Amino acid sequence: MAVYRGVDPSAPITDSAIAVQTSSSTTHVTPTVSAPDGAHWLVSHWGDKSSATTDLAPPPGVTQRDEASSDAASGHVTTLHGDSNGPVPAGNRGGLTATADQAAGAAITFSVLLKPAS
């Protein structure tokens, strides 16, 4: 969970998408969203569940805001949260690949476009 200041209070999210991965891989790709102009921030999140993953590395151009890993009897859950650290150009955005230190058979990613306040 994250809090962003300076977003439109009545409609903070312009577009969002979620992707689920069920094949074993060390790479996890966020879905794309459509930025209508060059004013929106892109927020990205990666979640990985495996028996051994403890680290997710963000792709170039993503400012990491948080990473967490928990160890349970049924495996590790590791999450990574980041953003564009500023407005993104108009067009399709996302498709960003985070890399895990171990292959995981289950992952979820999402992309959110935040609309700035007027």
Foldseek 3Di string as FASTA:
>chain_A
DDDDPQFAPVDFFDDKDKDKFQAWDQKDFAAKDFAAAQFKKKKKKKKFWAADWDDKAWAPQWDWDDWDWDQDPRHIIIMTITINVGTDGGGIDTRTMIGTPGIGRIMMMMMTITHGHD
